[in-house]
Amino acid sequence: MSNSNEQGIYINGRQQIIEMLQFMNQNERKKLLDNIRMRNAVMARELSEQSLSFYDLEKLPETLIGKIFSRTNAAIIGLSLYNAKTSFQKKVLSSLERETAIEAFQIMNQNLSQKQNECKRAQEKIIQLAIALSRSQQIQI
């Protein structure tokens, strides 16, 4: 998908669209993806998946959040929630079984400031899980 102009500069249009989608609000993102979907459904799905961020999950209903987070272990949940808003932490923990929520809460409340890479990887793992569940049509994001 890379194109070159007269100066020899390469532009990755797909990556630019993904970055734009990440900064758009939900309505703008949906409108753009719907327009792309009319011409190329596969590309729209890929762009939607690639532009999904961990913080987009905050907008999902608690039932979907429960389906996503219950498919992983408490350590990953705790790491992924470390830097999240308190409201999202509560939403996720309340959607889980009590034992899992308690274990995730204990991990989340440790000093993880030196483990930012692990926290980011845990968030990416949750996103990949959400995408996999969406592809298998178990959830709709």
N, C-alpha and C. Protein backbone atom coordinates (compact mmCIF):
# COMPACT_ATOMS: atom_id res chain seq x y z
N MET A 1 0.80 -1.20 0.00
CA MET A 1 0.00 0.00 0.00
C MET A 1 0.84 1.25 0.00
N SER A 2 2.13 1.11 -0.13
CA SER A 2 2.99 2.28 -0.12
C SER A 2 3.04 2.90 -1.50
N ASN A 3 2.96 4.20 -1.56
CA ASN A 3 3.05 4.95 -2.80
C ASN A 3 4.24 5.89 -2.69
N SER A 4 4.78 6.29 -3.85
CA SER A 4 5.86 7.28 -3.80
C SER A 4 5.45 8.49 -4.63
N ASN A 5 5.87 9.65 -4.19
CA ASN A 5 5.61 10.86 -4.97
C ASN A 5 6.88 11.26 -5.68
N GLU A 6 6.89 12.43 -6.35
CA GLU A 6 8.04 12.84 -7.14
C GLU A 6 9.32 12.97 -6.33
N GLN A 7 9.25 13.30 -5.06
CA GLN A 7 10.45 13.49 -4.26
C GLN A 7 11.02 12.16 -3.74
N GLY A 8 10.38 11.06 -3.99
CA GLY A 8 10.86 9.78 -3.52
C GLY A 8 10.49 9.47 -2.09
N ILE A 9 9.51 10.18 -1.54
CA ILE A 9 9.06 9.94 -0.17
C ILE A 9 7.97 8.87 -0.22
N TYR A 10 8.08 7.90 0.65
CA TYR A 10 7.10 6.82 0.68
C TYR A 10 6.07 7.10 1.77
N ILE A 11 4.83 6.90 1.40
CA ILE A 11 3.73 7.14 2.33
C ILE A 11 2.96 5.84 2.49
N ASN A 12 2.77 5.45 3.73
CA ASN A 12 1.99 4.25 4.02
C ASN A 12 0.56 4.70 4.34
N GLY A 13 -0.28 4.68 3.32
CA GLY A 13 -1.66 5.16 3.47
C GLY A 13 -2.44 4.39 4.51
N ARG A 14 -2.26 3.09 4.57
CA ARG A 14 -2.98 2.26 5.54
C ARG A 14 -2.62 2.68 6.95
N GLN A 15 -1.34 2.87 7.22
CA GLN A 15 -0.90 3.26 8.56
C GLN A 15 -1.42 4.64 8.92
N GLN A 16 -1.46 5.54 7.95
CA GLN A 16 -1.99 6.87 8.21
C GLN A 16 -3.48 6.82 8.55
N ILE A 17 -4.22 5.96 7.86
CA ILE A 17 -5.65 5.81 8.16
C ILE A 17 -5.83 5.23 9.55
N ILE A 18 -5.02 4.25 9.91
CA ILE A 18 -5.10 3.64 11.25
C ILE A 18 -4.85 4.71 12.32
N GLU A 19 -3.83 5.54 12.10
CA GLU A 19 -3.53 6.60 13.07
C GLU A 19 -4.67 7.60 13.15
N MET A 20 -5.27 7.93 12.01
CA MET A 20 -6.42 8.85 12.02
C MET A 20 -7.58 8.24 12.80
N LEU A 21 -7.84 6.97 12.55
CA LEU A 21 -8.95 6.29 13.23
C LEU A 21 -8.74 6.27 14.74
N GLN A 22 -7.51 6.13 15.18
CA GLN A 22 -7.22 6.09 16.61
C GLN A 22 -7.51 7.40 17.29
N PHE A 23 -7.46 8.50 16.57
CA PHE A 23 -7.71 9.81 17.16
C PHE A 23 -9.15 10.29 16.99
N MET A 24 -9.92 9.59 16.18
CA MET A 24 -11.31 10.00 15.93
C MET A 24 -12.20 9.56 17.08
N ASN A 25 -13.30 10.30 17.25
CA ASN A 25 -14.29 9.83 18.21
C ASN A 25 -15.06 8.67 17.58
N GLN A 26 -15.85 8.00 18.38
CA GLN A 26 -16.51 6.78 17.95
C GLN A 26 -17.43 6.99 16.75
N ASN A 27 -18.18 8.08 16.72
CA ASN A 27 -19.10 8.34 15.61
C ASN A 27 -18.36 8.60 14.31
N GLU A 28 -17.30 9.40 14.37
CA GLU A 28 -16.50 9.69 13.17
C GLU A 28 -15.85 8.41 12.65
N ARG A 29 -15.31 7.61 13.56
CA ARG A 29 -14.66 6.36 13.17
C ARG A 29 -15.65 5.43 12.49
N LYS A 30 -16.84 5.31 13.07
CA LYS A 30 -17.86 4.44 12.50
C LYS A 30 -18.26 4.91 11.11
N LYS A 31 -18.43 6.21 10.92
CA LYS A 31 -18.82 6.76 9.63
C LYS A 31 -17.77 6.46 8.57
N LEU A 32 -16.50 6.70 8.90
CA LEU A 32 -15.42 6.44 7.95
C LEU A 32 -15.33 4.95 7.62
N LEU A 33 -15.39 4.11 8.62
CA LEU A 33 -15.31 2.67 8.38
C LEU A 33 -16.50 2.16 7.58
N ASP A 34 -17.68 2.72 7.81
CA ASP A 34 -18.86 2.34 7.02
C ASP A 34 -18.67 2.71 5.56
N ASN A 35 -18.09 3.89 5.31
CA ASN A 35 -17.83 4.29 3.92
C ASN A 35 -16.81 3.38 3.26
N ILE A 36 -15.78 3.01 3.98
CA ILE A 36 -14.77 2.09 3.44
C ILE A 36 -15.40 0.72 3.23
N ARG A 37 -16.24 0.29 4.17
CA ARG A 37 -16.88 -1.03 4.11
C ARG A 37 -17.73 -1.18 2.84
N MET A 38 -18.34 -0.09 2.38
CA MET A 38 -19.17 -0.17 1.17
C MET A 38 -18.33 -0.54 -0.05
N ARG A 39 -17.07 -0.18 -0.05
CA ARG A 39 -16.19 -0.46 -1.19
C ARG A 39 -15.31 -1.70 -0.96
N ASN A 40 -14.92 -1.92 0.31
CA ASN A 40 -14.02 -3.02 0.59
C ASN A 40 -14.22 -3.47 2.04
N ALA A 41 -15.05 -4.47 2.22
CA ALA A 41 -15.41 -4.94 3.57
C ALA A 41 -14.21 -5.53 4.31
N VAL A 42 -13.34 -6.22 3.61
CA VAL A 42 -12.18 -6.83 4.25
C VAL A 42 -11.24 -5.75 4.78
N MET A 43 -11.00 -4.74 3.98
CA MET A 43 -10.12 -3.65 4.42
C MET A 43 -10.73 -2.92 5.61
N ALA A 44 -12.03 -2.70 5.59
CA ALA A 44 -12.70 -2.02 6.70
C ALA A 44 -12.54 -2.81 7.99
N ARG A 45 -12.68 -4.13 7.90
CA ARG A 45 -12.51 -4.98 9.09
C ARG A 45 -11.08 -4.90 9.61
N GLU A 46 -10.12 -4.99 8.69
CA GLU A 46 -8.71 -4.92 9.09
C GLU A 46 -8.38 -3.58 9.72
N LEU A 47 -8.85 -2.50 9.13
CA LEU A 47 -8.58 -1.16 9.68
C LEU A 47 -9.22 -1.01 11.05
N SER A 48 -10.42 -1.53 11.18
CA SER A 48 -11.12 -1.46 12.47
C SER A 48 -10.34 -2.20 13.54
N GLU A 49 -9.86 -3.38 13.21
CA GLU A 49 -9.10 -4.19 14.17
C GLU A 49 -7.77 -3.52 14.52
N GLN A 50 -7.07 -3.02 13.51
CA GLN A 50 -5.74 -2.44 13.74
C GLN A 50 -5.80 -1.11 14.45
N SER A 51 -6.92 -0.43 14.36
CA SER A 51 -7.03 0.87 15.03
C SER A 51 -7.62 0.76 16.43
N LEU A 52 -8.02 -0.43 16.82
CA LEU A 52 -8.61 -0.65 18.14
C LEU A 52 -7.54 -0.46 19.22
N SER A 53 -7.88 0.31 20.22
CA SER A 53 -6.94 0.49 21.33
C SER A 53 -7.57 -0.08 22.61
N PHE A 54 -6.72 -0.27 23.59
CA PHE A 54 -7.19 -0.81 24.86
C PHE A 54 -8.26 0.09 25.47
N TYR A 55 -8.12 1.38 25.28
CA TYR A 55 -9.06 2.33 25.89
C TYR A 55 -10.39 2.40 25.14
N ASP A 56 -10.44 1.83 23.93
CA ASP A 56 -11.72 1.70 23.23
C ASP A 56 -12.62 0.69 23.94
N LEU A 57 -12.02 -0.22 24.66
CA LEU A 57 -12.81 -1.23 25.37
C LEU A 57 -13.67 -0.62 26.46
N GLU A 58 -13.29 0.57 26.95
CA GLU A 58 -14.06 1.25 27.99
C GLU A 58 -15.49 1.51 27.54
N LYS A 59 -15.68 1.70 26.26
CA LYS A 59 -16.99 2.04 25.72
C LYS A 59 -17.91 0.83 25.58
N LEU A 60 -17.36 -0.36 25.72
CA LEU A 60 -18.16 -1.57 25.56
C LEU A 60 -19.03 -1.81 26.80
N PRO A 61 -20.16 -2.48 26.60
CA PRO A 61 -20.99 -2.84 27.76
C PRO A 61 -20.26 -3.85 28.65
N GLU A 62 -20.65 -3.87 29.90
CA GLU A 62 -19.98 -4.73 30.89
C GLU A 62 -20.03 -6.21 30.50
N THR A 63 -21.10 -6.64 29.85
CA THR A 63 -21.21 -8.05 29.45
C THR A 63 -20.11 -8.43 28.45
N LEU A 64 -19.85 -7.54 27.48
CA LEU A 64 -18.79 -7.82 26.51
C LEU A 64 -17.41 -7.75 27.17
N ILE A 65 -17.24 -6.79 28.05
CA ILE A 65 -15.98 -6.68 28.78
C ILE A 65 -15.73 -7.97 29.57
N GLY A 66 -16.76 -8.48 30.21
CA GLY A 66 -16.64 -9.74 30.94
C GLY A 66 -16.24 -10.89 30.05
N LYS A 67 -16.82 -10.97 28.84
CA LYS A 67 -16.48 -12.05 27.90
C LYS A 67 -15.02 -11.97 27.48
N ILE A 68 -14.53 -10.75 27.28
CA ILE A 68 -13.14 -10.58 26.83
C ILE A 68 -12.17 -10.90 27.96
N PHE A 69 -12.35 -10.24 29.09
CA PHE A 69 -11.37 -10.36 30.18
C PHE A 69 -11.43 -11.71 30.88
N SER A 70 -12.56 -12.38 30.85
CA SER A 70 -12.66 -13.68 31.53
C SER A 70 -11.90 -14.77 30.78
N ARG A 71 -11.43 -14.48 29.58
CA ARG A 71 -10.70 -15.47 28.78
C ARG A 71 -9.20 -15.45 29.04
N THR A 72 -8.75 -14.65 29.98
CA THR A 72 -7.32 -14.58 30.28
C THR A 72 -7.12 -14.68 31.78
N ASN A 73 -5.87 -14.76 32.20
CA ASN A 73 -5.62 -14.96 33.63
C ASN A 73 -5.54 -13.63 34.37
N ALA A 74 -5.63 -13.71 35.66
CA ALA A 74 -5.70 -12.52 36.52
C ALA A 74 -4.44 -11.67 36.44
N ALA A 75 -3.29 -12.28 36.24
CA ALA A 75 -2.04 -11.51 36.16
C ALA A 75 -2.07 -10.57 34.96
N ILE A 76 -2.52 -11.06 33.83
CA ILE A 76 -2.60 -10.21 32.63
C ILE A 76 -3.64 -9.12 32.83
N ILE A 77 -4.75 -9.47 33.45
CA ILE A 77 -5.79 -8.47 33.72
C ILE A 77 -5.23 -7.37 34.61
N GLY A 78 -4.59 -7.76 35.69
CA GLY A 78 -4.03 -6.78 36.63
C GLY A 78 -3.00 -5.88 35.97
N LEU A 79 -2.11 -6.46 35.18
CA LEU A 79 -1.10 -5.67 34.47
C LEU A 79 -1.75 -4.71 33.48
N SER A 80 -2.75 -5.19 32.76
CA SER A 80 -3.38 -4.35 31.73
C SER A 80 -4.15 -3.19 32.33
N LEU A 81 -4.67 -3.36 33.54
CA LEU A 81 -5.48 -2.32 34.17
C LEU A 81 -4.65 -1.33 35.00
N TYR A 82 -3.37 -1.58 35.16
CA TYR A 82 -2.54 -0.76 36.04
C TYR A 82 -2.65 0.73 35.73
N ASN A 83 -2.57 1.11 34.48
CA ASN A 83 -2.60 2.53 34.11
C ASN A 83 -3.98 3.01 33.65
N ALA A 84 -4.99 2.16 33.74
CA ALA A 84 -6.33 2.50 33.26
C ALA A 84 -7.04 3.42 34.25
N LYS A 85 -8.07 4.09 33.76
CA LYS A 85 -8.90 4.93 34.62
C LYS A 85 -9.57 4.06 35.69
N THR A 86 -9.79 4.63 36.83
CA THR A 86 -10.41 3.91 37.94
C THR A 86 -11.80 3.39 37.54
N SER A 87 -12.54 4.18 36.80
CA SER A 87 -13.89 3.76 36.38
C SER A 87 -13.83 2.52 35.50
N PHE A 88 -12.82 2.44 34.62
CA PHE A 88 -12.67 1.27 33.76
C PHE A 88 -12.19 0.07 34.58
N GLN A 89 -11.29 0.31 35.53
CA GLN A 89 -10.84 -0.77 36.40
C GLN A 89 -12.03 -1.39 37.12
N LYS A 90 -12.89 -0.54 37.68
CA LYS A 90 -14.07 -1.03 38.40
C LYS A 90 -15.00 -1.80 37.48
N LYS A 91 -15.18 -1.28 36.26
CA LYS A 91 -16.07 -1.92 35.29
C LYS A 91 -15.56 -3.33 34.94
N VAL A 92 -14.26 -3.44 34.72
CA VAL A 92 -13.68 -4.74 34.37
C VAL A 92 -13.76 -5.69 35.56
N LEU A 93 -13.31 -5.23 36.72
CA LEU A 93 -13.27 -6.12 37.89
C LEU A 93 -14.67 -6.59 38.29
N SER A 94 -15.66 -5.72 38.14
CA SER A 94 -17.03 -6.12 38.50
C SER A 94 -17.63 -7.10 37.49
N SER A 95 -17.03 -7.20 36.31
CA SER A 95 -17.54 -8.13 35.30
C SER A 95 -16.95 -9.53 35.43
N LEU A 96 -15.97 -9.68 36.33
CA LEU A 96 -15.25 -10.95 36.49
C LEU A 96 -15.77 -11.74 37.69
N GLU A 97 -15.41 -13.04 37.71
CA GLU A 97 -15.69 -13.84 38.90
C GLU A 97 -14.90 -13.27 40.06
N ARG A 98 -15.42 -13.40 41.25
CA ARG A 98 -14.85 -12.76 42.44
C ARG A 98 -13.38 -13.13 42.66
N GLU A 99 -13.04 -14.40 42.57
CA GLU A 99 -11.67 -14.83 42.82
C GLU A 99 -10.70 -14.22 41.82
N THR A 100 -11.07 -14.21 40.56
CA THR A 100 -10.23 -13.61 39.51
C THR A 100 -10.09 -12.12 39.74
N ALA A 101 -11.18 -11.46 40.09
CA ALA A 101 -11.16 -10.01 40.33
C ALA A 101 -10.25 -9.67 41.50
N ILE A 102 -10.31 -10.44 42.56
CA ILE A 102 -9.46 -10.19 43.73
C ILE A 102 -7.99 -10.35 43.37
N GLU A 103 -7.66 -11.41 42.66
CA GLU A 103 -6.27 -11.65 42.26
C GLU A 103 -5.78 -10.54 41.32
N ALA A 104 -6.60 -10.14 40.35
CA ALA A 104 -6.23 -9.06 39.43
C ALA A 104 -6.05 -7.75 40.18
N PHE A 105 -6.93 -7.49 41.16
CA PHE A 105 -6.85 -6.27 41.96
C PHE A 105 -5.54 -6.22 42.75
N GLN A 106 -5.14 -7.36 43.30
CA GLN A 106 -3.89 -7.41 44.06
C GLN A 106 -2.69 -7.11 43.16
N ILE A 107 -2.69 -7.66 41.97
CA ILE A 107 -1.59 -7.40 41.03
C ILE A 107 -1.60 -5.95 40.59
N MET A 108 -2.79 -5.44 40.29
CA MET A 108 -2.95 -4.07 39.82
C MET A 108 -2.48 -3.06 40.86
N ASN A 109 -2.59 -3.38 42.12
CA ASN A 109 -2.23 -2.45 43.19
C ASN A 109 -0.76 -2.55 43.63
N GLN A 110 0.01 -3.39 42.97
CA GLN A 110 1.45 -3.41 43.24
C GLN A 110 2.10 -2.23 42.53
N ASN A 111 3.31 -1.92 42.91
CA ASN A 111 4.05 -0.86 42.23
C ASN A 111 4.62 -1.43 40.93
N LEU A 112 3.94 -1.12 39.84
CA LEU A 112 4.34 -1.65 38.54
C LEU A 112 4.99 -0.57 37.66
N SER A 113 5.39 0.53 38.27
CA SER A 113 5.95 1.64 37.49
C SER A 113 7.21 1.23 36.72
N GLN A 114 7.94 0.24 37.19
CA GLN A 114 9.13 -0.24 36.49
C GLN A 114 8.80 -1.30 35.46
N LYS A 115 7.52 -1.65 35.35
CA LYS A 115 7.11 -2.71 34.43
C LYS A 115 6.13 -2.20 33.38
N GLN A 116 6.38 -1.01 32.88
CA GLN A 116 5.48 -0.41 31.89
C GLN A 116 5.39 -1.23 30.61
N ASN A 117 6.50 -1.84 30.18
CA ASN A 117 6.49 -2.67 28.97
C ASN A 117 5.58 -3.88 29.15
N GLU A 118 5.64 -4.50 30.33
CA GLU A 118 4.78 -5.64 30.60
C GLU A 118 3.32 -5.23 30.63
N CYS A 119 3.03 -4.05 31.18
CA CYS A 119 1.66 -3.54 31.21
C CYS A 119 1.14 -3.31 29.80
N LYS A 120 1.99 -2.74 28.95
CA LYS A 120 1.60 -2.48 27.56
C LYS A 120 1.37 -3.80 26.82
N ARG A 121 2.23 -4.77 27.03
CA ARG A 121 2.06 -6.08 26.38
C ARG A 121 0.78 -6.76 26.85
N ALA A 122 0.45 -6.61 28.13
CA ALA A 122 -0.80 -7.19 28.65
C ALA A 122 -2.01 -6.53 27.97
N GLN A 123 -1.95 -5.21 27.78
CA GLN A 123 -3.04 -4.53 27.08
C GLN A 123 -3.15 -5.01 25.64
N GLU A 124 -2.02 -5.20 24.98
CA GLU A 124 -2.02 -5.70 23.61
C GLU A 124 -2.59 -7.11 23.54
N LYS A 125 -2.29 -7.91 24.55
CA LYS A 125 -2.83 -9.28 24.58
C LYS A 125 -4.35 -9.24 24.72
N ILE A 126 -4.87 -8.34 25.53
CA ILE A 126 -6.32 -8.20 25.69
C ILE A 126 -6.95 -7.75 24.37
N ILE A 127 -6.31 -6.82 23.68
CA ILE A 127 -6.81 -6.36 22.38
C ILE A 127 -6.83 -7.51 21.38
N GLN A 128 -5.76 -8.29 21.33
CA GLN A 128 -5.71 -9.43 20.41
C GLN A 128 -6.80 -10.45 20.74
N LEU A 129 -7.07 -10.63 22.00
CA LEU A 129 -8.14 -11.53 22.42
C LEU A 129 -9.49 -10.99 21.96
N ALA A 130 -9.71 -9.70 22.11
CA ALA A 130 -10.96 -9.08 21.67
C ALA A 130 -11.14 -9.23 20.16
N ILE A 131 -10.06 -9.03 19.41
CA ILE A 131 -10.11 -9.18 17.96
C ILE A 131 -10.43 -10.62 17.58
N ALA A 132 -9.79 -11.58 18.25
CA ALA A 132 -10.05 -12.99 17.97
C ALA A 132 -11.51 -13.35 18.26
N LEU A 133 -12.04 -12.85 19.37
CA LEU A 133 -13.45 -13.12 19.70
C LEU A 133 -14.38 -12.46 18.69
N SER A 134 -14.01 -11.30 18.21
CA SER A 134 -14.80 -10.62 17.19
C SER A 134 -14.78 -11.38 15.88
N ARG A 135 -13.60 -11.85 15.48
CA ARG A 135 -13.48 -12.62 14.23
C ARG A 135 -14.29 -13.91 14.29
N SER A 136 -14.33 -14.53 15.45
CA SER A 136 -15.09 -15.77 15.60
C SER A 136 -16.57 -15.49 15.89
N GLN A 137 -16.93 -14.23 15.82
CA GLN A 137 -18.31 -13.75 15.98
C GLN A 137 -18.91 -14.10 17.34
N GLN A 138 -18.05 -14.18 18.37
CA GLN A 138 -18.53 -14.38 19.73
C GLN A 138 -18.90 -13.06 20.39
N ILE A 139 -18.27 -11.97 19.90
CA ILE A 139 -18.62 -10.62 20.35
C ILE A 139 -18.60 -9.71 19.13
N GLN A 140 -19.20 -8.54 19.29
CA GLN A 140 -19.16 -7.52 18.23
C GLN A 140 -18.64 -6.24 18.81
N ILE A 141 -17.48 -5.79 18.31
CA ILE A 141 -16.89 -4.55 18.80
C ILE A 141 -16.92 -3.48 17.73
